[in-house]
Protein backbone atom coordinates (compact mmCIF):
# COMPACT_ATOMS: atom_id res chain seq x y z
CA MET A 1 0.00 0.00 0.00
CA PRO A 2 1.36 3.44 -0.87
CA GLU A 3 2.39 5.93 1.78
CA ALA A 4 2.84 9.69 1.60
CA SER A 5 4.49 12.33 3.72
CA ALA A 6 3.18 15.87 3.47
CA ARG A 7 3.01 19.24 5.11
CA HIS A 8 0.17 21.71 5.10
CA ILE A 9 -1.11 25.07 6.25
CA LEU A 10 -4.77 25.25 7.25
CA VAL A 11 -6.60 28.58 7.08
CA GLU A 12 -10.21 29.72 7.19
CA THR A 13 -10.65 31.39 3.80
CA GLU A 14 -9.82 30.63 0.19
CA ASP A 15 -8.27 34.10 -0.17
CA GLN A 16 -5.89 33.49 2.76
CA CYS A 17 -4.91 30.19 1.17
CA LYS A 18 -4.23 31.76 -2.23
CA GLN A 19 -2.16 34.49 -0.58
CA LEU A 20 -0.02 31.87 1.19
CA VAL A 21 0.52 29.96 -2.07
CA THR A 22 1.72 33.22 -3.65
CA GLU A 23 4.08 33.89 -0.72
CA LEU A 24 5.47 30.35 -0.94
CA ASN A 25 5.93 30.60 -4.72
CA ASN A 26 7.88 33.81 -4.09
CA GLY A 27 10.31 32.03 -1.76
CA GLY A 28 8.43 32.10 1.55
CA ASP A 29 9.49 29.63 4.23
CA PHE A 30 6.83 26.90 4.55
CA ALA A 31 7.55 26.05 8.18
CA ALA A 32 7.57 29.70 9.27
CA LEU A 33 4.31 30.44 7.45
CA ALA A 34 2.69 27.31 8.89
CA SER A 35 3.74 28.27 12.41
CA GLU A 36 2.38 31.79 11.93
CA HIS A 37 -0.87 31.11 10.04
CA SER A 38 -2.06 27.51 10.37
CA LYS A 39 -5.12 26.85 12.49
CA CYS A 40 -4.14 23.17 12.74
CA PRO A 41 -2.58 22.69 16.19
CA SER A 42 -0.19 19.95 15.09
CA GLY A 43 0.77 21.84 11.93
CA LYS A 44 1.44 25.01 13.90
CA GLN A 45 3.89 23.23 16.21
CA SER A 46 5.69 21.19 13.56
CA GLY A 47 5.95 23.71 10.74
CA GLY A 48 3.07 22.01 8.96
CA GLU A 49 4.59 18.52 8.92
CA LEU A 50 1.97 15.76 9.00
CA GLY A 51 4.31 12.79 8.99
CA THR A 52 3.66 9.62 6.97
CA PHE A 53 0.21 8.20 6.31
CA LYS A 54 -1.64 5.75 4.07
CA PRO A 55 -4.67 6.27 1.80
CA GLY A 56 -7.86 6.64 3.80
CA GLN A 57 -6.27 8.18 6.89
CA MET A 58 -7.10 11.76 5.86
CA VAL A 59 -10.36 13.34 4.68
CA LYS A 60 -11.16 12.48 1.05
CA GLU A 61 -10.24 15.83 -0.57
CA PHE A 62 -6.90 15.89 1.24
CA ASP A 63 -6.27 12.21 0.55
CA ASP A 64 -6.96 12.65 -3.19
CA ALA A 65 -4.48 15.54 -3.38
CA CYS A 66 -1.81 13.65 -1.43
CA PHE A 67 -1.94 10.49 -3.53
CA ASN A 68 -2.59 12.04 -6.95
CA GLY A 69 -0.69 15.34 -6.88
CA GLU A 70 2.88 15.90 -7.91
CA VAL A 71 5.48 15.34 -5.19
CA GLY A 72 7.11 18.63 -4.18
CA ALA A 73 4.52 20.84 -5.91
CA LEU A 74 2.38 23.26 -3.94
CA GLN A 75 -1.32 22.44 -4.08
CA GLY A 76 -4.17 24.59 -2.94
CA PRO A 77 -6.55 25.87 -2.06
CA ILE A 78 -7.91 22.44 -1.13
CA LYS A 79 -11.27 22.79 0.60
CA THR A 80 -12.19 20.32 3.35
CA GLN A 81 -14.61 20.37 6.26
CA PHE A 82 -11.81 21.98 8.30
CA GLY A 83 -11.11 24.94 5.99
CA TYR A 84 -8.66 25.58 3.16
CA HIS A 85 -5.30 23.86 2.90
CA VAL A 86 -2.02 24.64 1.20
CA LEU A 87 -0.49 21.21 0.70
CA GLN A 88 2.92 19.96 -0.31
CA VAL A 89 3.58 16.24 -0.62
CA THR A 90 7.20 15.78 0.44
CA GLU A 91 7.51 12.05 -0.31
CA ARG A 92 5.42 9.21 -1.70
CA ASN A 93 6.19 5.57 -2.33
């Protein structure tokens, strides 16, 4: 079964999410932005790192992005029941 490692920043609005993607594309530091902006408690403390997980362990929209998106590419806004995510898959096997 495949596994992925990813990091994310969770915010309340689509506009906030788009702004963070722009900042990251312009060289922003993912961990620093996650610590400053993410409303996910674990993401805030770990610079957005989610660790390693298998398909089905995350909500569907997030899961789809993690296992179908390009490794290393920024993805977002991804809307889930929790808000809007900036996502970066750091590894997948």
